Amino acid sequence: MSELTEHLQNPSLGPMVELFILDASALGNTTYYFTNSTHSDGSLIKWNGSTFTPVPIKFTAMERTIQGAPPRPTLTIANANKVLHSVVVNFGDLVGAQITRYRTFEQFLDDMPAEDPTMTLAPDYLIVEQKTAHNKNVIQWSLSSVLDKEGMKLPKRQVLRDEVNGYSFPGAGLVRIR
């Protein structure tokens, strides 16, 4: 059993921390590090060698499922201190930027006694699909999974719903690989 699995079974887990990495380098910008937390003493959070800017963040509708349409999570960041305002305006609403969400526990952050950047829950890899709100209070984006791309093909193979090797399986949710 891994150390993280053992920790998750502990009745006193300690504070969970969500860490967001917004990679806008494909748009000609840089990478931004955000969290909605600070340490209990008020100091900035550092993880895996990076310092995360504390900003009120709301991340909603992320679920893992094999049934139905993939989830369309939203990311809302407070705009009060205008951390991303000029970036959003100058870089096309950040459409196409990649967002990675990590979840770990405070004890595994940098400068903590049990520091270990590998102790995270499975990360979420998302792409900014569109900006849905931008005002003096918040900036909000609709996101999609990096795998949720219409017409996306695996190398030389197209994935189709309800067929396998030419055999049809209506409603089975199986795939056909050509």
C-alpha atoms as a PDB file:
ATOM      1  CA  MET A   1       0.000   0.000   0.000  1.00  0.00           C
ATOM      2  CA  SER A   2       1.445   3.396  -0.971  1.00  0.00           C
ATOM      3  CA  GLU A   3       2.101   6.096   1.594  1.00  0.00           C
ATOM      4  CA  LEU A   4      -0.614   8.297   0.043  1.00  0.00           C
ATOM      5  CA  THR A   5      -3.174   5.466   0.245  1.00  0.00           C
ATOM      6  CA  GLU A   6      -2.256   4.946   3.887  1.00  0.00           C
ATOM      7  CA  HIS A   7      -2.577   8.691   4.504  1.00  0.00           C
ATOM      8  CA  LEU A   8      -6.032   8.794   2.869  1.00  0.00           C
ATOM      9  CA  GLN A   9      -7.219   6.126   5.308  1.00  0.00           C
ATOM     10  CA  ASN A  10      -6.075   8.191   8.286  1.00  0.00           C
ATOM     11  CA  PRO A  11      -9.030   9.772  10.129  1.00  0.00           C
ATOM     12  CA  SER A  12      -7.137  13.080  10.546  1.00  0.00           C
ATOM     13  CA  LEU A  13      -5.919  13.871   7.057  1.00  0.00           C
ATOM     14  CA  GLY A  14      -4.968  17.487   7.611  1.00  0.00           C
ATOM     15  CA  PRO A  15      -5.784  20.275   5.176  1.00  0.00           C
ATOM     16  CA  MET A  16      -6.102  19.377   1.493  1.00  0.00           C
ATOM     17  CA  VAL A  17      -4.613  21.911  -0.916  1.00  0.00           C
ATOM     18  CA  GLU A  18      -5.660  22.456  -4.542  1.00  0.00           C
ATOM     19  CA  LEU A  19      -2.898  23.717  -6.815  1.00  0.00           C
ATOM     20  CA  PHE A  20      -3.578  25.102 -10.300  1.00  0.00           C
ATOM     21  CA  ILE A  21      -0.977  25.496 -13.015  1.00  0.00           C
ATOM     22  CA  LEU A  22      -2.093  27.580 -15.998  1.00  0.00           C
ATOM     23  CA  ASP A  23       0.309  26.969 -18.874  1.00  0.00           C
ATOM     24  CA  ALA A  24      -0.121  29.671 -21.517  1.00  0.00           C
ATOM     25  CA  SER A  25       3.256  29.060 -23.192  1.00  0.00           C
ATOM     26  CA  ALA A  26       1.553  27.669 -26.343  1.00  0.00           C
ATOM     27  CA  LEU A  27      -0.075  31.106 -26.700  1.00  0.00           C
ATOM     28  CA  GLY A  28       3.248  32.926 -26.422  1.00  0.00           C
ATOM     29  CA  ASN A  29       2.915  33.726 -22.725  1.00  0.00           C
ATOM     30  CA  THR A  30       4.217  32.013 -19.587  1.00  0.00           C
ATOM     31  CA  THR A  31       3.071  29.646 -16.851  1.00  0.00           C
ATOM     32  CA  TYR A  32       1.086  30.854 -13.827  1.00  0.00           C
ATOM     33  CA  TYR A  33       0.731  29.119 -10.466  1.00  0.00           C
ATOM     34  CA  PHE A  34      -2.406  29.619  -8.338  1.00  0.00           C
ATOM     35  CA  THR A  35      -3.973  28.179  -5.240  1.00  0.00           C
ATOM     36  CA  ASN A  36      -6.935  29.112  -3.106  1.00  0.00           C
ATOM     37  CA  SER A  37      -4.966  28.423   0.083  1.00  0.00           C
ATOM     38  CA  THR A  38      -2.144  29.655   2.259  1.00  0.00           C
ATOM     39  CA  HIS A  39      -0.348  27.886   5.057  1.00  0.00           C
ATOM     40  CA  SER A  40      -2.021  28.037   8.452  1.00  0.00           C
ATOM     41  CA  ASP A  41       0.568  30.685   9.435  1.00  0.00           C
ATOM     42  CA  GLY A  42      -0.385  32.799   6.364  1.00  0.00           C
ATOM     43  CA  SER A  43       2.787  32.120   4.357  1.00  0.00           C
ATOM     44  CA  LEU A  44       2.713  31.386   0.621  1.00  0.00           C
ATOM     45  CA  ILE A  45       2.431  27.828  -0.605  1.00  0.00           C
ATOM     46  CA  LYS A  46       5.407  26.319  -2.388  1.00  0.00           C
ATOM     47  CA  TRP A  47       5.223  22.962  -4.107  1.00  0.00           C
ATOM     48  CA  ASN A  48       7.592  21.156  -6.433  1.00  0.00           C
ATOM     49  CA  GLY A  49       9.880  24.207  -6.488  1.00  0.00           C
ATOM     50  CA  SER A  50       7.189  26.727  -7.524  1.00  0.00           C
ATOM     51  CA  THR A  51       5.459  29.418  -5.461  1.00  0.00           C
ATOM     52  CA  PHE A  52       1.674  29.571  -5.860  1.00  0.00           C
ATOM     53  CA  THR A  53      -0.192  32.885  -5.786  1.00  0.00           C
ATOM     54  CA  PRO A  54      -3.151  32.762  -3.384  1.00  0.00           C
ATOM     55  CA  VAL A  55      -6.315  33.811  -5.229  1.00  0.00           C
ATOM     56  CA  PRO A  56      -9.935  32.891  -4.518  1.00  0.00           C
ATOM     57  CA  ILE A  57     -10.678  30.074  -6.971  1.00  0.00           C
ATOM     58  CA  LYS A  58     -13.804  28.038  -7.580  1.00  0.00           C
ATOM     59  CA  PHE A  59     -13.448  24.830  -9.588  1.00  0.00           C
ATOM     60  CA  THR A  60     -16.715  23.013 -10.346  1.00  0.00           C
ATOM     61  CA  ALA A  61     -18.189  19.997 -12.121  1.00  0.00           C
ATOM     62  CA  MET A  62     -15.124  17.784 -12.390  1.00  0.00           C
ATOM     63  CA  GLU A  63     -16.164  14.171 -12.251  1.00  0.00           C
ATOM     64  CA  ARG A  64     -14.761  10.960 -13.625  1.00  0.00           C
ATOM     65  CA  THR A  65     -17.254   8.852 -15.529  1.00  0.00           C
ATOM     66  CA  ILE A  66     -17.439   6.446 -18.446  1.00  0.00           C
ATOM     67  CA  GLN A  67     -21.142   7.094 -19.006  1.00  0.00           C
ATOM     68  CA  GLY A  68     -22.575   9.901 -21.125  1.00  0.00           C
ATOM     69  CA  ALA A  69     -20.906  13.102 -22.216  1.00  0.00           C
ATOM     70  CA  PRO A  70     -17.592  14.102 -20.652  1.00  0.00           C
ATOM     71  CA  PRO A  71     -17.813  16.713 -17.893  1.00  0.00           C
ATOM     72  CA  ARG A  72     -17.424  20.418 -18.707  1.00  0.00           C
ATOM     73  CA  PRO A  73     -15.812  21.868 -15.607  1.00  0.00           C
ATOM     74  CA  THR A  74     -15.590  25.587 -14.971  1.00  0.00           C
ATOM     75  CA  LEU A  75     -12.790  27.551 -13.371  1.00  0.00           C
ATOM     76  CA  THR A  76     -13.608  30.878 -11.744  1.00  0.00           C
ATOM     77  CA  ILE A  77     -10.800  33.113 -10.473  1.00  0.00           C
ATOM     78  CA  ALA A  78     -11.324  36.318  -8.516  1.00  0.00           C
ATOM     79  CA  ASN A  79     -10.422  39.401 -10.549  1.00  0.00           C
ATOM     80  CA  ALA A  80     -10.239  41.812  -7.606  1.00  0.00           C
ATOM     81  CA  ASN A  81      -6.446  42.199  -7.736  1.00  0.00           C
ATOM     82  CA  LYS A  82      -6.403  41.866 -11.558  1.00  0.00           C
ATOM     83  CA  VAL A  83      -3.827  39.054 -11.484  1.00  0.00           C
ATOM     84  CA  LEU A  84      -4.881  37.743 -14.922  1.00  0.00           C
ATOM     85  CA  HIS A  85      -6.830  40.673 -16.376  1.00  0.00           C
ATOM     86  CA  SER A  86      -4.198  41.918 -18.852  1.00  0.00           C
ATOM     87  CA  VAL A  87      -3.144  38.369 -19.754  1.00  0.00           C
ATOM     88  CA  VAL A  88      -6.731  37.438 -20.648  1.00  0.00           C
ATOM     89  CA  VAL A  89      -7.206  40.618 -22.681  1.00  0.00           C
ATOM     90  CA  ASN A  90      -3.884  40.340 -24.554  1.00  0.00           C
ATOM     91  CA  PHE A  91      -3.826  36.576 -25.184  1.00  0.00           C
ATOM     92  CA  GLY A  92      -7.224  35.732 -26.680  1.00  0.00           C
ATOM     93  CA  ASP A  93      -9.065  34.944 -23.432  1.00  0.00           C
ATOM     94  CA  LEU A  94      -6.438  32.211 -22.859  1.00  0.00           C
ATOM     95  CA  VAL A  95      -8.408  29.844 -25.110  1.00  0.00           C
ATOM     96  CA  GLY A  96      -6.207  26.805 -25.705  1.00  0.00           C
ATOM     97  CA  ALA A  97      -4.147  27.231 -22.540  1.00  0.00           C
ATOM     98  CA  GLN A  98      -3.649  24.091 -20.472  1.00  0.00           C
ATOM     99  CA  ILE A  99      -4.698  23.964 -16.828  1.00  0.00           C
ATOM    100  CA  THR A 100      -3.476  21.244 -14.507  1.00  0.00           C
ATOM    101  CA  ARG A 101      -5.099  20.775 -11.113  1.00  0.00           C
ATOM    102  CA  TYR A 102      -3.175  18.942  -8.403  1.00  0.00           C
ATOM    103  CA  ARG A 103      -4.594  17.969  -5.027  1.00  0.00           C
ATOM    104  CA  THR A 104      -2.319  17.159  -2.127  1.00  0.00           C
ATOM    105  CA  PHE A 105      -2.165  17.642   1.607  1.00  0.00           C
ATOM    106  CA  GLU A 106      -0.421  20.501   3.387  1.00  0.00           C
ATOM    107  CA  GLN A 107       2.101  18.176   4.999  1.00  0.00           C
ATOM    108  CA  PHE A 108       3.502  17.199   1.556  1.00  0.00           C
ATOM    109  CA  LEU A 109       4.178  20.780   0.377  1.00  0.00           C
ATOM    110  CA  ASP A 110       7.708  22.214   0.101  1.00  0.00           C
ATOM    111  CA  ASP A 111       9.340  23.272   3.379  1.00  0.00           C
ATOM    112  CA  MET A 112       7.094  20.929   5.393  1.00  0.00           C
ATOM    113  CA  PRO A 113       8.425  17.997   7.467  1.00  0.00           C
ATOM    114  CA  ALA A 114       6.936  15.345   5.120  1.00  0.00           C
ATOM    115  CA  GLU A 115       7.716  17.289   1.902  1.00  0.00           C
ATOM    116  CA  ASP A 116       7.065  15.065  -1.129  1.00  0.00           C
ATOM    117  CA  PRO A 117       5.851  16.438  -4.498  1.00  0.00           C
ATOM    118  CA  THR A 118       4.905  12.942  -5.669  1.00  0.00           C
ATOM    119  CA  MET A 119       2.210  12.603  -2.997  1.00  0.00           C
ATOM    120  CA  THR A 120      -0.774  13.881  -4.985  1.00  0.00           C
ATOM    121  CA  LEU A 121      -4.112  12.544  -6.045  1.00  0.00           C
ATOM    122  CA  ALA A 122      -4.470  11.946  -9.793  1.00  0.00           C
ATOM    123  CA  PRO A 123      -4.015  15.305 -11.551  1.00  0.00           C
ATOM    124  CA  ASP A 124      -6.689  16.763 -13.830  1.00  0.00           C
ATOM    125  CA  TYR A 125      -5.438  17.952 -17.235  1.00  0.00           C
ATOM    126  CA  LEU A 126      -7.770  20.457 -18.858  1.00  0.00           C
ATOM    127  CA  ILE A 127      -7.882  22.882 -21.776  1.00  0.00           C
ATOM    128  CA  VAL A 128      -9.511  26.327 -21.750  1.00  0.00           C
ATOM    129  CA  GLU A 129     -12.382  26.102 -24.250  1.00  0.00           C
ATOM    130  CA  GLN A 130     -13.891  29.565 -23.810  1.00  0.00           C
ATOM    131  CA  LYS A 131     -14.129  32.497 -21.447  1.00  0.00           C
ATOM    132  CA  THR A 132     -17.685  32.590 -20.093  1.00  0.00           C
ATOM    133  CA  ALA A 133     -17.477  35.612 -17.773  1.00  0.00           C
ATOM    134  CA  HIS A 134     -15.121  38.536 -17.237  1.00  0.00           C
ATOM    135  CA  ASN A 135     -16.010  41.461 -15.025  1.00  0.00           C
ATOM    136  CA  LYS A 136     -14.489  43.458 -12.181  1.00  0.00           C
ATOM    137  CA  ASN A 137     -15.124  40.569  -9.768  1.00  0.00           C
ATOM    138  CA  VAL A 138     -14.319  37.326 -11.601  1.00  0.00           C
ATOM    139  CA  ILE A 139     -12.942  35.665 -14.704  1.00  0.00           C
ATOM    140  CA  GLN A 140     -14.565  32.354 -15.585  1.00  0.00           C
ATOM    141  CA  TRP A 141     -13.687  29.741 -18.191  1.00  0.00           C
ATOM    142  CA  SER A 142     -15.366  26.640 -19.509  1.00  0.00           C
ATOM    143  CA  LEU A 143     -12.857  23.786 -19.643  1.00  0.00           C
ATOM    144  CA  SER A 144     -12.599  20.397 -21.302  1.00  0.00           C
ATOM    145  CA  SER A 145     -10.425  17.347 -20.878  1.00  0.00           C
ATOM    146  CA  VAL A 146      -7.300  17.247 -23.020  1.00  0.00           C
ATOM    147  CA  LEU A 147      -8.747  14.016 -24.486  1.00  0.00           C
ATOM    148  CA  ASP A 148     -12.141  15.551 -25.317  1.00  0.00           C
ATOM    149  CA  LYS A 149     -11.415  16.809 -28.806  1.00  0.00           C
ATOM    150  CA  GLU A 150     -13.862  16.345 -31.655  1.00  0.00           C
ATOM    151  CA  GLY A 151     -12.281  14.410 -34.503  1.00  0.00           C
ATOM    152  CA  MET A 152      -9.223  13.565 -32.424  1.00  0.00           C
ATOM    153  CA  LYS A 153      -7.449  10.442 -33.684  1.00  0.00           C
ATOM    154  CA  LEU A 154      -5.059   8.145 -31.948  1.00  0.00           C
ATOM    155  CA  PRO A 155      -2.007   7.671 -34.157  1.00  0.00           C
ATOM    156  CA  LYS A 156      -3.446   6.414 -37.476  1.00  0.00           C
ATOM    157  CA  ARG A 157      -6.631   5.121 -35.804  1.00  0.00           C
ATOM    158  CA  GLN A 158     -10.001   6.737 -35.405  1.00  0.00           C
ATOM    159  CA  VAL A 159     -12.060   5.899 -32.350  1.00  0.00           C
ATOM    160  CA  LEU A 160     -15.775   5.443 -33.022  1.00  0.00           C
ATOM    161  CA  ARG A 161     -18.551   4.756 -30.553  1.00  0.00           C
ATOM    162  CA  ASP A 162     -20.590   1.492 -30.584  1.00  0.00           C
ATOM    163  CA  GLU A 163     -18.451  -0.614 -32.969  1.00  0.00           C
ATOM    164  CA  VAL A 164     -15.503  -2.997 -32.525  1.00  0.00           C
ATOM    165  CA  ASN A 165     -13.579  -4.423 -35.487  1.00  0.00           C
ATOM    166  CA  GLY A 166     -16.560  -3.927 -37.791  1.00  0.00           C
ATOM    167  CA  TYR A 167     -19.076  -5.443 -35.371  1.00  0.00           C
ATOM    168  CA  SER A 168     -21.826  -3.209 -34.079  1.00  0.00           C
ATOM    169  CA  PHE A 169     -22.697  -3.120 -30.393  1.00  0.00           C
ATOM    170  CA  PRO A 170     -25.473  -0.513 -30.095  1.00  0.00           C
ATOM    171  CA  GLY A 171     -25.583   1.109 -26.693  1.00  0.00           C
ATOM    172  CA  ALA A 172     -22.607  -0.893 -25.442  1.00  0.00           C
ATOM    173  CA  GLY A 173     -20.302   2.113 -25.522  1.00  0.00           C
ATOM    174  CA  LEU A 174     -17.492   0.056 -27.070  1.00  0.00           C
ATOM    175  CA  VAL A 175     -15.119   1.530 -29.644  1.00  0.00           C
ATOM    176  CA  ARG A 176     -14.048   0.649 -33.138  1.00  0.00           C
ATOM    177  CA  ILE A 177     -10.440   1.156 -34.104  1.00  0.00           C
ATOM    178  CA  ARG A 178      -9.733   1.337 -37.822  1.00  0.00           C
END
